[in-house]
Amino acid sequence: MDNWQALVALITFVTVILLLITEWIHFTIAAFLGALILIVANVMTMPEALGYIGKSHGTLGLFFGVMVMVRAFQPTKIFDYLATQMVIFAKGRGDRLLLGIVAITTPICAVLPNATTVMLLAPLIPPMAQEIGVDFVPLLILMVFVANSAGLLTIVGDPATYIVGDAINMSFVDYLLKLSLGGAIAIGVIVAMLPFLFKKVWNKKLENLDRLPRPVINHPRTLMVGAIIAIFVLVFFVIGESLPIPISPATIALLGSALALMLAHHSKIDSVKNILQDVDWSTLIFFMCIFVIIGALEKTGIIGSMSGILSVVLGKNIAVASIIMLFFVGLISSVVPNIPLVVAMVPLLKQYVVNVGLASPEIISLDFAGQLPAVVLPLFYAMMYGATLGGNGTLVGASANIVAAGVAEQYGRRIPFKTFLAQ
C-alpha cells in the first residue's frame, strides 16, 4: 500500500475525530464526509467500503430492528404510561427516580446489548422528566453510564465485550467467573456518585402527584400482541445462538421489526411509511461510515504497523502491556466508538503476541477455535474493560451513547459533546 494512502487514511481519521469533539458539524456529516473522501481519493474502492460495512451487518441489523419495534409501539402510549408509573412509584422524589433508572437498566443490560437496552428504555425518559419537572438530558446520560458499565456483567452485555470474547473463544460461564465482578463494581461506583453527579435531580421533589397527567394506553389489544412479539424477541436474544440452528440477535431483531410493522399496518395504528421515516437513520449512517474509516486504517497497514510498535516497546511484559492497554483503549474509546475500535484492535493484539513469541501464528486465522495461552489473556481482558468503560468518556465513545443522542434529537433536544463530557 502506498505511503500517501496511509497518510490520507490517518489524516482523515484524525480530522473526523476532531470534528466530533469540536462539534463544528453534525457527527453523522463528519463521518459521512470522511468515508467519502477515502473513496474519492481511491484509498478504498466503493466495493471495499461496502465490504467493511457488510462486516458490521450484525450491529446495524440489531440497531435497525429494535428502532423499528420501539417506534411501531409508540402510538399505544405505552412509554408515556410506564414513565408516569415510574414517577408515581418513586413518589415524586428525584433520588428514587435515579435509583430506579439504575435498577431497571442494570439487569436488562446483563442479558441484552447495552445499546439495545437504551433503545428500549430511553423513550421513557423524556416524558418522565417532563412530569417531574427536570431536564431529561442528564437522565439519558445516567442511563448511558449504567448501560455501558452493566455491559461488563456478562459477555453479551456490550457488543465490544462480545467481539473480544468471541475472538478468544471465551464462554459465557468463564466470563461470569473471571470478569463479571468488574461490572458490579462499576455499577456500585455509579450509585455512590449519584448525589454528586446528578445533584439537581437527586434533590428534586414533586409534592402533588395528583397533578400528574394520566396517559391512557391506546389500542390495548394491539399492545397485547406487541407484548408477545417483544417477549419472543427477548427470549431468543438469550437462547438464539445456542439453538441447534443458531439465530443471531440481529436476525431476531429484524424478525421482530417485521412482525411489529405487520401488526401496526393491519391494526391501522400507524403506517409503515411513518414508522420507517422516524427510524434514527443518522445513527445508522454514522456507524456505517465509522466502519469504513477504521477499515481504511486496516487496509493501508496502519494497524499492522502499530502492532510492530507494540512488539518493540512492550516486548513480552504482558503485565505492563495489560495496564497500558487498559488505559490506552479506555482513552481511545472515549473518542472512537468502541465497536469498530475493538474490531481493529483484536487482530492487532493477536499479531503482537505472535510477534513476541507468546502464541503460535494459528491464532490469527479467522477459523481458529482453540484457546489462547493463559499468559496473554489479561491483555484481552484489559481491552474489554478499557473499551466498555472508556465508552463513558464522551458522546461518541459507545454505541449506547449515540443511540441516546438520537433519542434526544427525536424529542427536540440535542446532547452537545461538551455537555456529555462535563457530566
Protein backbone atom coordinates (compact mmCIF):
# COMPACT_ATOMS: atom_id res chain seq x y z
CA MET A 1 0.00 0.00 0.00
CA ASP A 2 1.39 3.42 -0.96
CA ASN A 3 2.52 5.67 1.87
CA TRP A 4 0.34 8.52 0.63
CA GLN A 5 -2.78 6.38 1.00
CA ALA A 6 -1.87 5.51 4.58
CA LEU A 7 -1.28 9.20 5.27
CA VAL A 8 -4.65 10.16 3.77
CA ALA A 9 -6.39 7.48 5.86
CA LEU A 10 -4.70 8.67 9.05
CA ILE A 11 -5.37 12.37 8.38
CA THR A 12 -9.00 11.62 7.57
CA PHE A 13 -9.42 9.60 10.76
CA VAL A 14 -7.87 12.32 12.95
CA THR A 15 -9.88 15.06 11.22
CA VAL A 16 -13.17 13.24 11.73
CA ILE A 17 -12.37 12.75 15.42
CA LEU A 18 -11.55 16.45 15.81
CA LEU A 19 -14.81 17.38 14.11
CA LEU A 20 -16.70 15.10 16.51
CA ILE A 21 -15.01 16.68 19.51
CA THR A 22 -15.37 20.31 18.41
CA GLU A 23 -18.88 19.80 17.00
CA TRP A 24 -18.21 22.08 14.04
CA ILE A 25 -20.60 19.93 12.05
CA HIS A 26 -23.08 17.17 12.89
CA PHE A 27 -21.36 13.90 13.85
CA THR A 28 -23.09 11.99 11.03
CA ILE A 29 -21.96 14.52 8.41
CA ALA A 30 -18.38 14.38 9.72
CA ALA A 31 -18.22 10.59 9.43
CA PHE A 32 -20.05 10.60 6.07
CA LEU A 33 -17.65 13.11 4.54
CA GLY A 34 -14.65 11.22 5.95
CA ALA A 35 -15.76 7.95 4.37
CA LEU A 36 -16.47 9.64 1.02
CA ILE A 37 -13.08 11.37 0.98
CA LEU A 38 -11.39 7.97 1.35
CA ILE A 39 -13.38 6.65 -1.62
CA VAL A 40 -12.82 9.71 -3.83
CA ALA A 41 -9.07 9.62 -3.03
CA ASN A 42 -9.07 5.93 -4.05
CA VAL A 43 -7.79 4.85 -0.65
CA MET A 44 -10.73 2.49 -0.74
CA THR A 45 -12.93 1.47 -3.64
CA MET A 46 -16.69 1.54 -3.28
CA PRO A 47 -16.92 -2.30 -3.17
CA GLU A 48 -14.26 -2.36 -0.44
CA ALA A 49 -16.13 0.27 1.59
CA LEU A 50 -19.37 -1.66 1.24
CA GLY A 51 -17.49 -4.78 2.28
CA TYR A 52 -16.41 -3.18 5.55
CA ILE A 53 -19.98 -2.03 6.13
CA GLY A 54 -21.07 -5.60 5.47
CA LYS A 55 -18.78 -6.82 8.24
CA SER A 56 -20.87 -4.75 10.66
CA HIS A 57 -24.16 -6.21 9.47
CA GLY A 58 -24.88 -7.74 12.89
CA THR A 59 -24.61 -4.43 14.71
CA LEU A 60 -26.53 -2.49 12.07
CA GLY A 61 -29.27 -5.12 11.81
CA LEU A 62 -29.70 -5.22 15.59
CA PHE A 63 -29.98 -1.44 15.85
CA PHE A 64 -32.40 -1.09 12.94
CA GLY A 65 -34.66 -3.89 14.15
CA VAL A 66 -35.02 -2.54 17.68
CA MET A 67 -35.51 1.03 16.42
CA VAL A 68 -38.42 -0.10 14.26
CA MET A 69 -40.03 -2.09 17.09
CA VAL A 70 -39.82 0.81 19.56
CA ARG A 71 -41.27 3.25 17.01
CA ALA A 72 -44.04 0.85 15.95
CA PHE A 73 -45.41 0.68 19.52
CA GLN A 74 -45.32 4.45 20.21
CA PRO A 75 -48.98 5.06 19.15
CA THR A 76 -50.12 2.81 22.01
CA LYS A 77 -48.77 5.39 24.51
CA ILE A 78 -47.14 2.56 26.44
CA PHE A 79 -43.95 4.57 27.00
CA ASP A 80 -45.82 7.57 28.41
CA TYR A 81 -47.84 5.26 30.66
CA LEU A 82 -44.75 3.46 32.01
CA ALA A 83 -42.95 6.76 32.59
CA THR A 84 -45.85 8.06 34.71
CA GLN A 85 -45.98 4.83 36.70
CA MET A 86 -42.27 5.09 37.43
CA VAL A 87 -42.65 8.64 38.76
CA ILE A 88 -45.58 7.53 40.93
CA PHE A 89 -43.58 4.54 42.20
CA ALA A 90 -40.71 6.89 43.10
CA LYS A 91 -43.27 9.06 44.94
CA GLY A 92 -42.07 12.11 43.03
CA ARG A 93 -38.60 12.00 44.59
CA GLY A 94 -35.62 12.56 42.33
CA ASP A 95 -33.30 10.29 44.33
CA ARG A 96 -35.67 7.33 43.99
CA LEU A 97 -36.12 8.08 40.32
CA LEU A 98 -32.36 7.94 39.71
CA LEU A 99 -32.05 4.71 41.67
CA GLY A 100 -35.00 3.32 39.72
CA ILE A 101 -33.25 4.02 36.41
CA VAL A 102 -30.19 2.14 37.69
CA ALA A 103 -32.30 -0.74 38.98
CA ILE A 104 -34.20 -1.17 35.70
CA THR A 105 -31.27 -0.70 33.32
CA THR A 106 -28.74 -2.96 35.09
CA PRO A 107 -30.44 -6.37 34.86
CA ILE A 108 -31.61 -5.81 31.29
CA CYS A 109 -28.07 -4.93 30.21
CA ALA A 110 -26.90 -8.22 31.67
CA VAL A 111 -28.83 -10.16 29.01
CA LEU A 112 -29.18 -7.65 26.16
CA PRO A 113 -26.57 -5.49 24.40
CA ASN A 114 -26.41 -2.13 26.16
CA ALA A 115 -27.31 -0.14 23.05
CA THR A 116 -30.40 -2.32 22.63
CA THR A 117 -31.37 -1.63 26.24
CA VAL A 118 -31.03 2.11 25.67
CA MET A 119 -33.23 1.82 22.57
CA LEU A 120 -35.91 0.08 24.64
CA LEU A 121 -35.78 2.30 27.74
CA ALA A 122 -34.68 5.74 26.50
CA PRO A 123 -38.16 6.65 25.17
CA LEU A 124 -39.37 6.50 28.79
CA ILE A 125 -37.01 9.22 29.96
CA PRO A 126 -38.26 12.45 28.26
CA PRO A 127 -41.92 12.11 29.34
CA MET A 128 -40.82 11.03 32.82
CA ALA A 129 -38.54 14.05 33.18
CA GLN A 130 -41.28 16.36 31.96
CA GLU A 131 -43.68 15.07 34.59
CA ILE A 132 -41.26 15.57 37.46
CA GLY A 133 -40.04 18.92 36.09
CA VAL A 134 -36.37 18.21 35.33
CA ASP A 135 -34.17 18.21 32.26
CA PHE A 136 -34.24 14.79 30.59
CA VAL A 137 -30.69 15.04 29.17
CA PRO A 138 -28.93 14.19 32.49
CA LEU A 139 -31.27 11.23 32.93
CA LEU A 140 -30.39 9.93 29.47
CA ILE A 141 -26.70 10.35 30.28
CA LEU A 142 -27.19 8.39 33.52
CA MET A 143 -28.86 5.59 31.61
CA VAL A 144 -25.89 5.50 29.23
CA PHE A 145 -23.42 5.35 32.13
CA VAL A 146 -25.31 2.48 33.71
CA ALA A 147 -25.79 0.65 30.40
CA ASN A 148 -22.09 0.83 29.50
CA SER A 149 -20.98 -0.25 32.97
CA ALA A 150 -23.56 -3.02 33.28
CA GLY A 151 -22.40 -4.25 29.90
CA LEU A 152 -19.48 -5.80 31.78
CA LEU A 153 -21.74 -8.07 33.83
CA THR A 154 -21.93 -10.72 31.08
CA ILE A 155 -20.16 -11.39 27.82
CA VAL A 156 -23.28 -10.38 25.83
CA GLY A 157 -23.86 -7.12 27.70
CA ASP A 158 -21.75 -5.00 25.38
CA PRO A 159 -21.06 -5.61 21.68
CA ALA A 160 -17.40 -4.70 22.21
CA THR A 161 -17.07 -7.25 25.03
CA TYR A 162 -18.75 -9.90 22.91
CA ILE A 163 -16.44 -9.23 19.95
CA VAL A 164 -13.33 -9.68 22.10
CA GLY A 165 -14.74 -12.70 23.94
CA ASP A 166 -15.66 -14.37 20.68
CA ALA A 167 -12.17 -13.71 19.28
CA ILE A 168 -10.55 -15.55 22.20
CA ASN A 169 -13.26 -18.25 22.33
CA MET A 170 -14.39 -17.34 25.83
CA SER A 171 -17.58 -18.96 27.12
CA PHE A 172 -20.46 -17.26 28.90
CA VAL A 173 -19.68 -19.08 32.16
CA ASP A 174 -15.95 -18.35 32.01
CA TYR A 175 -16.72 -14.67 31.67
CA LEU A 176 -19.04 -14.74 34.68
CA LEU A 177 -16.40 -16.38 36.84
CA LYS A 178 -13.48 -14.22 35.76
CA LEU A 179 -14.70 -10.77 34.75
CA SER A 180 -18.29 -10.00 35.77
CA LEU A 181 -17.22 -8.66 39.19
CA GLY A 182 -15.79 -5.62 37.41
CA GLY A 183 -19.22 -4.73 36.10
CA ALA A 184 -20.74 -4.99 39.58
CA ILE A 185 -18.05 -2.70 40.99
CA ALA A 186 -18.63 -0.17 38.20
CA ILE A 187 -22.37 -0.06 38.96
CA GLY A 188 -21.62 0.36 42.67
CA VAL A 189 -19.41 3.36 41.94
CA ILE A 190 -22.15 4.98 39.84
CA VAL A 191 -24.72 4.53 42.62
CA ALA A 192 -22.33 6.07 45.15
CA MET A 193 -21.75 9.08 42.86
CA LEU A 194 -25.41 9.77 42.05
CA PRO A 195 -25.91 12.53 44.69
CA PHE A 196 -22.86 14.37 43.32
CA LEU A 197 -23.16 13.80 39.55
CA PHE A 198 -26.90 14.49 39.40
CA LYS A 199 -27.38 16.81 42.36
CA LYS A 200 -30.30 18.81 40.95
CA VAL A 201 -32.32 15.73 40.09
CA TRP A 202 -31.36 13.95 43.32
CA ASN A 203 -32.81 16.77 45.44
CA LYS A 204 -35.95 17.25 43.31
CA LYS A 205 -39.30 16.52 44.97
CA LEU A 206 -42.74 16.60 43.40
CA GLU A 207 -45.21 17.37 46.15
CA ASN A 208 -48.57 16.88 44.43
CA LEU A 209 -48.60 13.66 42.43
CA ASP A 210 -52.31 14.08 41.73
CA ARG A 211 -51.44 16.75 39.18
CA LEU A 212 -49.52 14.27 37.06
CA PRO A 213 -51.11 13.52 33.68
CA ARG A 214 -52.62 10.08 33.50
CA PRO A 215 -51.96 8.82 29.97
CA VAL A 216 -54.27 6.07 28.82
CA ILE A 217 -52.96 3.14 26.85
CA ASN A 218 -54.30 3.17 23.31
CA HIS A 219 -55.10 0.07 21.29
CA PRO A 220 -54.79 -2.40 24.22
CA ARG A 221 -55.43 -5.47 22.05
CA THR A 222 -52.72 -4.45 19.63
CA LEU A 223 -50.38 -3.83 22.57
CA MET A 224 -51.04 -7.34 23.91
CA VAL A 225 -49.94 -8.84 20.60
CA GLY A 226 -46.98 -6.46 20.61
CA ALA A 227 -46.01 -7.69 24.07
CA ILE A 228 -45.96 -11.25 22.75
CA ILE A 229 -43.63 -10.12 19.95
CA ALA A 230 -41.37 -8.33 22.45
CA ILE A 231 -41.19 -11.39 24.72
CA PHE A 232 -40.39 -13.57 21.73
CA VAL A 233 -37.54 -11.24 20.76
CA LEU A 234 -36.12 -11.04 24.30
CA VAL A 235 -36.21 -14.82 24.79
CA PHE A 236 -34.48 -15.53 21.51
CA PHE A 237 -31.89 -12.83 22.17
CA VAL A 238 -30.80 -15.02 25.09
CA ILE A 239 -31.17 -18.53 23.63
CA GLY A 240 -30.99 -17.92 19.88
CA GLU A 241 -27.30 -18.56 19.38
CA SER A 242 -27.38 -21.77 21.46
CA LEU A 243 -30.07 -23.44 19.32
CA PRO A 244 -29.19 -26.38 17.01
CA ILE A 245 -29.51 -23.90 14.15
CA PRO A 246 -28.08 -20.68 15.68
CA ILE A 247 -30.05 -17.49 15.18
CA SER A 248 -28.12 -14.25 15.67
CA PRO A 249 -29.53 -11.35 17.74
CA ALA A 250 -29.58 -9.22 14.57
CA THR A 251 -31.80 -11.76 12.81
CA ILE A 252 -34.16 -11.90 15.78
CA ALA A 253 -34.36 -8.10 15.93
CA LEU A 254 -35.14 -7.87 12.21
CA LEU A 255 -37.79 -10.58 12.50
CA GLY A 256 -39.33 -8.72 15.45
CA SER A 257 -39.34 -5.48 13.46
CA ALA A 258 -41.07 -7.18 10.53
CA LEU A 259 -43.76 -8.56 12.85
CA ALA A 260 -44.16 -5.15 14.50
CA LEU A 261 -44.58 -3.46 11.13
CA MET A 262 -47.16 -6.03 10.10
CA LEU A 263 -49.04 -5.55 13.37
CA ALA A 264 -49.03 -1.75 13.05
CA HIS A 265 -50.20 -1.92 9.44
CA HIS A 266 -53.06 -4.36 9.93
CA SER A 267 -54.26 -2.77 13.18
CA LYS A 268 -54.06 0.65 11.48
CA ILE A 269 -52.39 2.30 14.50
CA ASP A 270 -49.79 3.78 12.15
CA SER A 271 -48.49 3.48 8.61
CA VAL A 272 -45.33 1.67 7.59
CA LYS A 273 -44.16 4.85 5.87
CA ASN A 274 -44.42 6.93 9.06
CA ILE A 275 -42.65 4.29 11.15
CA LEU A 276 -39.72 3.95 8.76
CA GLN A 277 -39.43 7.72 8.38
CA ASP A 278 -38.90 8.06 12.14
CA VAL A 279 -36.10 5.49 12.33
CA ASP A 280 -32.87 7.13 13.52
CA TRP A 281 -31.12 6.90 10.17
CA SER A 282 -28.41 9.37 11.18
CA THR A 283 -27.11 6.99 13.85
CA LEU A 284 -27.10 4.05 11.44
CA ILE A 285 -25.24 6.04 8.77
CA PHE A 286 -22.72 7.24 11.35
CA PHE A 287 -21.80 3.69 12.28
CA MET A 288 -21.56 2.62 8.65
CA CYS A 289 -19.12 5.41 7.89
CA ILE A 290 -17.02 4.82 11.00
CA PHE A 291 -16.56 1.19 9.97
CA VAL A 292 -15.34 2.38 6.57
CA ILE A 293 -12.83 4.79 8.16
CA ILE A 294 -11.47 2.12 10.51
CA GLY A 295 -11.34 -0.26 7.57
CA ALA A 296 -9.11 2.19 5.72
CA LEU A 297 -6.66 2.17 8.64
CA GLU A 298 -6.57 -1.61 8.47
CA LYS A 299 -6.24 -1.78 4.69
CA THR A 300 -3.41 0.77 4.49
CA GLY A 301 -1.35 -1.10 7.09
CA ILE A 302 -1.55 1.48 9.87
CA ILE A 303 -2.98 -1.04 12.31
CA GLY A 304 -0.34 -3.60 11.35
CA SER A 305 2.41 -1.04 11.87
CA MET A 306 1.04 -0.30 15.33
CA SER A 307 1.34 -4.00 16.28
CA GLY A 308 5.01 -3.85 15.33
CA ILE A 309 5.49 -0.81 17.53
CA LEU A 310 3.85 -2.65 20.43
CA SER A 311 6.26 -5.54 19.97
CA VAL A 312 9.27 -3.23 20.21
CA VAL A 313 8.02 -1.07 23.08
CA LEU A 314 6.37 -3.69 25.31
CA GLY A 315 8.26 -6.86 24.49
CA LYS A 316 6.99 -9.88 26.44
CA ASN A 317 5.94 -8.00 29.57
CA ILE A 318 2.23 -8.84 29.48
CA ALA A 319 1.54 -7.35 32.93
CA VAL A 320 2.78 -3.91 31.90
CA ALA A 321 1.22 -4.29 28.46
CA SER A 322 -2.17 -5.08 30.04
CA ILE A 323 -2.09 -1.97 32.23
CA ILE A 324 -1.08 0.18 29.28
CA MET A 325 -3.76 -1.43 27.14
CA LEU A 326 -6.44 -0.75 29.77
CA PHE A 327 -5.71 2.98 29.84
CA PHE A 328 -4.83 3.31 26.16
CA VAL A 329 -8.02 1.61 24.92
CA GLY A 330 -10.06 3.42 27.56
CA LEU A 331 -8.72 6.77 26.36
CA ILE A 332 -9.13 5.99 22.65
CA SER A 333 -12.60 4.51 23.07
CA SER A 334 -13.74 7.76 24.65
CA VAL A 335 -13.39 9.44 21.25
CA VAL A 336 -13.74 6.46 18.89
CA PRO A 337 -16.86 4.23 19.03
CA ASN A 338 -15.76 1.09 20.86
CA ILE A 339 -17.29 -1.40 18.42
CA PRO A 340 -15.10 -0.50 15.42
CA LEU A 341 -12.18 0.10 17.80
CA VAL A 342 -12.15 -3.44 19.15
CA VAL A 343 -12.75 -4.82 15.65
CA ALA A 344 -9.49 -3.13 14.69
CA MET A 345 -7.64 -3.92 17.95
CA VAL A 346 -8.29 -7.67 18.10
CA PRO A 347 -6.12 -8.57 15.10
CA LEU A 348 -3.53 -6.03 16.27
CA LEU A 349 -3.19 -7.72 19.66
CA LYS A 350 -3.14 -11.22 18.18
CA GLN A 351 -0.36 -10.18 15.80
CA TYR A 352 1.52 -8.62 18.73
CA VAL A 353 1.52 -11.79 20.87
CA VAL A 354 2.61 -13.79 17.84
CA ASN A 355 5.42 -11.32 17.10
CA VAL A 356 6.85 -11.62 20.62
CA GLY A 357 6.62 -15.43 20.55
CA LEU A 358 3.90 -15.90 23.18
CA ALA A 359 1.43 -17.60 20.82
CA SER A 360 1.55 -19.57 17.61
CA PRO A 361 0.57 -17.94 14.27
CA GLU A 362 -2.55 -20.15 14.06
CA ILE A 363 -4.43 -17.81 16.44
CA ILE A 364 -4.56 -15.19 13.67
CA SER A 365 -6.70 -17.45 11.49
CA LEU A 366 -10.36 -16.42 11.27
CA ASP A 367 -11.50 -20.00 11.91
CA PHE A 368 -9.27 -20.50 14.99
CA ALA A 369 -11.35 -22.45 17.54
CA GLY A 370 -8.77 -23.22 20.22
CA GLN A 371 -7.73 -21.42 23.37
CA LEU A 372 -5.13 -18.69 23.61
CA PRO A 373 -2.23 -19.22 26.05
CA ALA A 374 -3.30 -18.19 29.54
CA VAL A 375 -0.36 -15.81 29.84
CA VAL A 376 -1.71 -13.48 27.12
CA LEU A 377 -5.38 -13.45 28.21
CA PRO A 378 -5.01 -10.46 30.62
CA LEU A 379 -4.18 -8.35 27.57
CA PHE A 380 -7.57 -9.11 26.04
CA TYR A 381 -9.36 -8.76 29.38
CA ALA A 382 -7.85 -5.27 29.70
CA MET A 383 -9.16 -4.40 26.25
CA MET A 384 -12.67 -5.48 27.27
CA TYR A 385 -12.64 -3.26 30.35
CA GLY A 386 -10.99 -0.33 28.60
CA ALA A 387 -13.31 -0.35 25.61
CA THR A 388 -16.50 -0.75 27.64
CA LEU A 389 -15.80 1.69 30.48
CA GLY A 390 -13.95 4.10 28.20
CA GLY A 391 -17.19 4.46 26.26
CA ASN A 392 -18.47 6.58 29.15
CA GLY A 393 -15.88 9.24 28.37
CA THR A 394 -17.53 11.17 25.56
CA LEU A 395 -20.68 11.26 23.45
CA VAL A 396 -19.23 9.15 20.63
CA GLY A 397 -17.42 6.60 22.80
CA ALA A 398 -20.03 3.85 22.70
CA SER A 399 -22.98 2.80 20.59
CA ALA A 400 -25.36 3.34 23.53
CA ASN A 401 -24.24 6.99 23.71
CA ILE A 402 -25.02 7.59 20.04
CA VAL A 403 -28.41 5.91 20.42
CA ALA A 404 -29.26 8.12 23.41
CA ALA A 405 -28.24 11.21 21.43
CA GLY A 406 -30.55 10.10 18.63
CA VAL A 407 -33.46 9.67 21.06
CA ALA A 408 -32.81 13.16 22.48
CA GLU A 409 -32.94 14.67 18.99
CA GLN A 410 -36.25 12.92 18.33
CA TYR A 411 -37.63 14.73 21.41
CA GLY A 412 -36.34 18.11 20.26
CA ARG A 413 -33.11 18.28 22.22
CA ARG A 414 -29.50 17.83 21.18
CA ILE A 415 -26.89 16.48 23.57
CA PRO A 416 -23.76 18.57 22.91
CA PHE A 417 -20.37 16.87 23.05
CA LYS A 418 -19.27 19.26 25.79
CA THR A 419 -22.38 18.60 27.90
CA PHE A 420 -21.75 14.86 27.93
CA LEU A 421 -18.04 15.40 28.66
CA ALA A 422 -18.80 17.74 31.58
CA GLN A 423 -21.24 15.27 33.14
